Protein backbone atom coordinates (compact mmCIF):
# COMPACT_ATOMS: atom_id res chain seq x y z
CA MET A 1 10.52 17.21 -13.72
CA ALA A 2 8.57 15.74 -10.82
CA LYS A 3 9.67 12.26 -9.78
CA ILE A 4 6.61 10.09 -9.19
CA TRP A 5 6.74 6.92 -7.13
CA ILE A 6 4.93 4.00 -8.74
CA GLU A 7 3.84 1.08 -6.61
CA ALA A 8 2.55 -2.25 -7.91
CA ALA A 9 0.10 -4.15 -5.67
CA LEU A 10 0.38 -7.62 -7.15
CA ASN A 11 -2.46 -9.72 -5.77
CA GLY A 12 -4.37 -8.71 -2.64
CA PRO A 13 -6.54 -11.02 -0.50
CA TRP A 14 -9.11 -11.76 -3.17
CA THR A 15 -8.04 -15.26 -4.26
CA ARG A 16 -8.37 -16.29 -7.88
CA ALA A 17 -12.12 -16.75 -7.44
CA ARG A 18 -12.47 -12.95 -7.50
CA GLN A 19 -9.34 -11.90 -9.39
CA PRO A 20 -8.32 -14.81 -11.66
CA GLY A 21 -5.08 -13.25 -12.91
CA ILE A 22 -3.30 -12.77 -9.58
CA PRO A 23 -0.02 -14.56 -8.83
CA VAL A 24 -0.32 -17.05 -5.95
CA ALA A 25 2.77 -19.31 -5.91
CA VAL A 26 5.98 -17.74 -4.61
CA GLU A 27 7.75 -18.12 -7.94
CA ASP A 28 4.85 -16.44 -9.76
CA ILE A 29 4.73 -13.55 -7.28
CA VAL A 30 8.48 -13.11 -7.66
CA ALA A 31 8.26 -13.14 -11.46
CA ASP A 32 5.40 -10.64 -11.43
CA GLY A 33 7.29 -8.38 -9.01
CA ILE A 34 10.41 -8.40 -11.18
CA ALA A 35 8.38 -7.66 -14.31
CA ALA A 36 6.55 -4.80 -12.56
CA ALA A 37 9.87 -3.32 -11.43
CA ASP A 38 11.29 -3.62 -14.94
CA ALA A 39 8.17 -1.79 -16.20
CA GLY A 40 8.76 1.16 -13.86
CA ALA A 41 7.56 0.31 -10.34
CA ALA A 42 9.94 1.25 -7.50
CA ILE A 43 7.70 -0.32 -4.84
CA ILE A 44 6.13 -3.79 -4.77
CA HIS A 45 3.36 -4.86 -2.41
CA ALA A 46 2.31 -8.50 -2.12
CA HIS A 47 0.14 -10.92 -0.17
CA ALA A 48 1.55 -14.39 0.52
CA TYR A 49 -0.58 -17.44 -0.28
CA ASP A 50 -0.83 -21.11 0.59
CA VAL A 51 -0.80 -22.77 -2.82
CA THR A 52 -2.56 -25.86 -1.51
CA THR A 53 -5.64 -23.94 -0.37
CA GLY A 54 -5.44 -20.87 -2.60
CA GLN A 55 -5.96 -18.70 0.48
CA GLN A 56 -3.82 -15.91 1.91
CA LYS A 57 -1.18 -17.14 4.39
CA ASP A 58 0.82 -14.54 6.31
CA ASP A 59 3.91 -16.59 7.11
CA TRP A 60 7.09 -14.56 7.44
CA GLU A 61 9.14 -17.28 5.77
CA ILE A 62 6.94 -17.18 2.66
CA TYR A 63 7.26 -13.41 2.57
CA ALA A 64 11.03 -13.70 3.00
CA ARG A 65 11.20 -15.94 -0.07
CA ILE A 66 9.14 -13.42 -2.05
CA ILE A 67 11.17 -10.42 -0.94
CA GLU A 68 14.55 -12.07 -1.42
CA GLY A 69 13.48 -13.56 -4.74
CA ILE A 70 12.48 -10.18 -6.17
CA ARG A 71 15.43 -8.30 -4.74
CA ALA A 72 17.90 -10.88 -6.02
CA LYS A 73 17.10 -9.51 -9.49
CA VAL A 74 15.98 -5.90 -8.96
CA ASP A 75 16.55 -3.31 -6.24
CA VAL A 76 13.04 -2.29 -5.20
CA ILE A 77 11.11 -1.75 -1.99
CA VAL A 78 9.05 -4.90 -1.31
CA TYR A 79 6.62 -5.04 1.59
CA PRO A 80 3.90 -7.42 2.85
CA THR A 81 0.33 -6.98 3.95
CA ILE A 82 -1.14 -7.79 7.36
CA PRO A 83 -3.82 -10.42 7.94
CA SER A 84 -7.34 -9.52 8.94
CA PRO A 85 -10.20 -11.65 10.20
CA ALA A 86 -13.11 -12.45 7.94
CA LEU A 87 -15.35 -9.42 7.79
CA GLY A 88 -17.58 -9.34 10.82
CA GLN A 89 -15.49 -11.89 12.77
CA GLU A 90 -13.68 -11.19 16.01
CA GLN A 91 -9.95 -10.53 15.78
CA THR A 92 -7.97 -13.48 17.14
CA ILE A 93 -4.64 -13.44 15.29
CA ASN A 94 -1.24 -11.86 15.85
CA ARG A 95 -1.42 -9.51 12.92
CA PHE A 96 2.10 -8.09 13.15
CA GLY A 97 4.04 -11.24 14.01
CA HIS A 98 5.37 -11.71 10.48
CA THR A 99 6.03 -7.96 10.14
CA ALA A 100 8.19 -8.04 13.27
CA GLU A 101 10.13 -11.08 12.06
CA LEU A 102 10.80 -9.51 8.66
CA ALA A 103 11.75 -6.17 10.23
CA LYS A 104 14.16 -7.80 12.70
CA ARG A 105 15.93 -9.42 9.76
CA GLY A 106 16.17 -6.16 7.83
CA LEU A 107 14.00 -7.47 4.99
CA ILE A 108 11.39 -4.70 4.90
CA GLU A 109 11.49 -0.92 4.64
CA TRP A 110 7.71 -0.32 4.64
CA ALA A 111 4.87 -1.93 6.57
CA VAL A 112 1.08 -1.83 6.31
CA ILE A 113 -0.30 -0.03 9.37
CA ASP A 114 -3.87 1.09 8.75
CA PRO A 115 -4.91 3.72 11.34
CA GLY A 116 -8.63 2.99 11.64
CA SER A 117 -11.44 0.57 10.89
CA VAL A 118 -13.97 0.78 8.06
CA HIS A 119 -17.18 -0.88 6.91
CA PHE A 120 -16.80 -2.97 3.74
CA ALA A 121 -19.72 -3.69 1.41
CA ARG A 122 -19.92 -3.91 -2.38
CA PHE A 123 -22.63 -2.01 -4.22
CA GLU A 124 -23.35 -5.15 -6.25
CA ASP A 125 -23.98 -7.24 -3.12
CA LEU A 126 -25.28 -5.12 -0.26
CA THR A 127 -26.64 -8.17 1.57
CA HIS A 128 -23.06 -8.97 2.65
CA GLY A 129 -20.50 -6.82 4.41
CA GLY A 130 -18.64 -6.24 7.63
CA ILE A 131 -15.90 -4.34 9.39
CA TYR A 132 -12.26 -4.29 8.32
CA GLN A 133 -10.96 -4.15 11.88
CA ASN A 134 -7.82 -2.39 13.04
CA PRO A 135 -8.07 -2.33 16.83
CA HIS A 136 -6.10 0.40 18.55
CA ALA A 137 -3.77 -2.11 20.19
CA ASP A 138 -2.87 -3.47 16.75
CA ILE A 139 -2.17 -0.01 15.38
CA LEU A 140 0.08 0.77 18.36
CA GLU A 141 1.97 -2.51 17.85
CA GLY A 142 2.55 -1.65 14.21
CA MET A 143 3.86 1.77 15.17
CA ARG A 144 6.13 0.23 17.81
CA ILE A 145 7.69 -2.03 15.19
CA SER A 146 8.01 0.94 12.86
CA ARG A 147 9.98 2.97 15.41
CA GLU A 148 12.11 0.09 16.65
CA HIS A 149 13.17 -1.15 13.22
CA ASN A 150 13.01 2.06 11.17
CA VAL A 151 10.19 0.83 8.93
CA HIS A 152 7.97 3.37 7.18
CA PRO A 153 4.23 3.04 7.90
CA SER A 154 2.18 2.65 4.74
CA TYR A 155 -1.21 4.04 5.76
CA ALA A 156 -4.28 3.06 3.75
CA ILE A 157 -6.58 6.07 4.15
CA TYR A 158 -10.10 4.74 3.64
CA GLU A 159 -11.79 7.61 5.48
CA PRO A 160 -10.55 11.07 6.56
CA GLY A 161 -10.22 10.11 10.22
CA PHE A 162 -7.44 7.70 9.24
CA THR A 163 -5.31 10.69 8.24
CA ARG A 164 -5.91 12.46 11.54
CA LEU A 165 -5.10 9.47 13.73
CA GLY A 166 -2.17 8.37 11.58
CA ALA A 167 -0.59 11.82 11.70
CA ALA A 168 -1.05 12.08 15.45
CA LEU A 169 0.48 8.66 16.12
CA ALA A 170 3.42 9.34 13.81
CA SER A 171 4.24 12.51 15.73
CA VAL A 172 4.40 10.91 19.18
CA SER A 173 7.93 11.37 20.51
CA PRO A 174 10.19 10.03 19.17
CA PRO A 175 8.58 10.51 15.77
CA SER A 176 8.09 7.41 13.66
CA PRO A 177 9.77 7.01 10.28
CA THR A 178 7.82 9.10 7.79
CA PRO A 179 4.46 7.53 6.91
CA ILE A 180 3.15 7.29 3.37
CA TYR A 181 -0.52 8.32 3.14
CA ARG A 182 -2.23 6.16 0.54
CA PHE A 183 -5.63 7.65 -0.32
CA MET A 184 -8.03 4.82 -1.12
CA PHE A 185 -10.70 5.37 -3.76
CA SER A 186 -13.35 2.95 -4.97
CA ASP A 187 -16.17 2.44 -7.44
CA GLU A 188 -17.13 -1.08 -6.31
CA PHE A 189 -17.01 -0.60 -2.53
CA ALA A 190 -19.29 1.64 -0.46
CA TRP A 191 -16.66 3.49 1.55
CA GLY A 192 -14.60 6.60 1.00
CA PHE A 193 -14.69 8.53 -2.25
CA PRO A 194 -14.93 7.63 -5.95
CA PRO A 195 -11.84 8.69 -7.95
CA ARG A 196 -12.55 12.32 -8.70
CA PRO A 197 -10.19 15.31 -8.48
CA ALA A 198 -12.39 17.24 -6.04
CA TYR A 199 -12.29 14.35 -3.58
CA LEU A 200 -8.52 14.05 -3.82
CA ASP A 201 -8.35 17.77 -3.10
CA ALA A 202 -10.42 17.24 0.04
CA HIS A 203 -7.96 14.58 1.25
CA LEU A 204 -5.05 16.90 0.52
CA GLU A 205 -6.56 19.84 2.38
CA LEU A 206 -6.87 17.73 5.51
CA LEU A 207 -3.39 16.23 5.06
CA ALA A 208 -1.94 19.74 4.87
CA GLU A 209 -3.50 20.52 8.25
CA CYS A 210 -2.31 17.28 9.88
CA ALA A 211 1.03 16.49 8.21
CA LEU A 212 2.14 19.24 5.86
CA GLY A 213 4.59 17.96 3.25
CA ALA A 214 3.97 14.27 3.93
CA PRO A 215 4.33 11.92 0.93
CA TRP A 216 1.07 10.56 -0.44
CA MET A 217 -0.25 8.46 -3.26
CA ILE A 218 -3.52 7.55 -4.93
CA ALA A 219 -4.75 3.96 -4.86
CA GLY A 220 -7.92 2.05 -4.10
CA LEU A 221 -9.80 -1.21 -4.25
CA GLY A 222 -12.32 -2.13 -6.91
CA VAL A 223 -11.33 0.87 -8.98
CA ASP A 224 -9.35 2.08 -11.98
CA ILE A 225 -7.55 5.22 -10.80
CA THR A 226 -6.03 6.01 -14.22
CA SER A 227 -8.22 9.06 -14.76
CA LEU A 228 -6.98 10.55 -11.48
CA ILE A 229 -3.27 10.21 -12.28
CA PRO A 230 -2.87 13.58 -14.09
CA HIS A 231 -4.41 15.45 -11.16
CA ALA A 232 -2.26 13.53 -8.67
CA VAL A 233 0.91 14.30 -10.62
CA ALA A 234 -0.04 17.98 -10.82
CA LYS A 235 -0.52 18.04 -7.06
CA GLY A 236 2.80 16.33 -6.31
CA GLY A 237 1.50 12.87 -5.45
CA HIS A 238 2.40 9.31 -6.30
CA VAL A 239 0.57 6.33 -7.80
CA ARG A 240 -0.29 2.74 -6.91
CA VAL A 241 -1.79 0.29 -9.39
CA GLY A 242 -2.08 -3.49 -9.71
CA LEU A 243 -4.39 -6.47 -9.63
CA GLU A 244 -5.09 -5.95 -5.93
CA ASP A 245 -6.62 -2.57 -6.67
CA ILE A 246 -8.27 -2.86 -10.08
CA ASN A 247 -11.90 -3.95 -10.47
CA TRP A 248 -12.59 -7.63 -9.78
CA GLY A 249 -12.41 -9.91 -12.81
CA SER A 250 -9.89 -7.73 -14.62
CA LYS A 251 -8.19 -9.27 -17.65
CA GLN A 252 -5.19 -6.98 -17.34
CA THR A 253 -1.78 -7.96 -15.96
CA ASN A 254 0.29 -6.22 -13.33
CA THR A 255 2.93 -5.39 -15.94
CA ALA A 256 0.34 -3.81 -18.23
CA LEU A 257 -1.12 -1.79 -15.36
CA VAL A 258 2.32 -0.47 -14.41
CA LYS A 259 3.12 0.40 -18.02
CA ASP A 260 -0.18 2.28 -18.31
CA ALA A 261 0.65 4.19 -15.12
CA VAL A 262 4.11 5.09 -16.44
CA ARG A 263 2.57 6.38 -19.65
CA CYS A 264 -0.01 8.45 -17.75
CA VAL A 265 2.64 9.87 -15.44
CA ARG A 266 4.80 10.93 -18.36
CA ASP A 267 1.84 12.35 -20.26
CA ALA A 268 1.12 14.46 -17.17
CA GLY A 269 4.68 15.83 -17.09
CA GLY A 270 6.18 13.52 -14.47
CA GLU A 271 8.81 10.81 -14.55
CA PRO A 272 8.80 7.52 -12.63
CA ALA A 273 11.13 7.66 -9.63
CA SER A 274 13.91 5.16 -9.09
CA VAL A 275 14.03 3.28 -5.81
CA ALA A 276 17.08 5.35 -4.84
CA GLU A 277 15.03 8.50 -5.34
CA VAL A 278 12.17 7.12 -3.22
CA ARG A 279 14.55 6.27 -0.40
CA ALA A 280 16.30 9.64 -0.61
CA ALA A 281 12.99 11.49 -0.46
CA LEU A 282 11.90 9.56 2.62
CA LYS A 283 15.26 10.13 4.30
CA ALA A 284 14.86 13.87 3.71
CA CYS A 285 11.34 13.73 5.20
CA ASP A 286 12.67 11.88 8.25
CA SER A 287 15.33 14.52 8.81
CA ALA A 288 12.81 17.34 8.47
CA ARG A 289 10.61 15.67 11.11
CA GLY A 290 13.49 15.17 13.52
CA ARG A 291 13.63 11.41 12.99
CA LYS A 292 17.11 10.02 13.49
CA ARG A 293 18.15 6.71 12.00
CA VAL A 294 18.46 4.01 14.65
């Protein structure tokens, strides 16, 4: 029976103005992460917040409290996001400073490294939009941290070119720890593909050319990817769900979304992977790519 990795993306950058049910305080993020793990998630992704402003705050010490709080109760992979400027604004922040601090302390196994930039606009409000910027220097810094601290890149693949660049950068000698290719689908945003099997197949055809055998999962923003889970399981992929990814204004909870994903995975003939199985699979991928633990 295929072992399917399930990731829970707990909150995202949206604030409660756009996604009222997200956890914001550290203790709430920790509680949600533990509940998601108990429901079947082996991987937890979170954004840190400043509770006084209700805005995202990428402080490594806040992330450390989240990671250590969750892992004090459950053994799961927990990893943070990276900050980005407001859409359309010039990049002025050290986007990987907190990632480096967490990696140096051995607190993270995965890191967000998005290999490309993409235009963001919502179909419901096409008068506003801008570029989600990932300058090349930032991408290279993320990959440097990945190699130095043995952290797996978690690539968000918004457009096909992200796969091509990500695969090329991961293969530069010495090869990085094995990346995870997270194919991003959307109904609300005007980028990439909507969640249909034919479009997943297109992603997979390109991935096979660039990084045959690489681990991948389905995810998205402003989308319910439930209908795509059976096809992903049949093709050997993994699944991410959560309040970061689901349509804005959702009344669901992260725990309910994970439980729904578990049910869909099992209905499709798969079984949720344990965190030990996720780590073992990535270690095998590293060995196959000639990556030695450092």
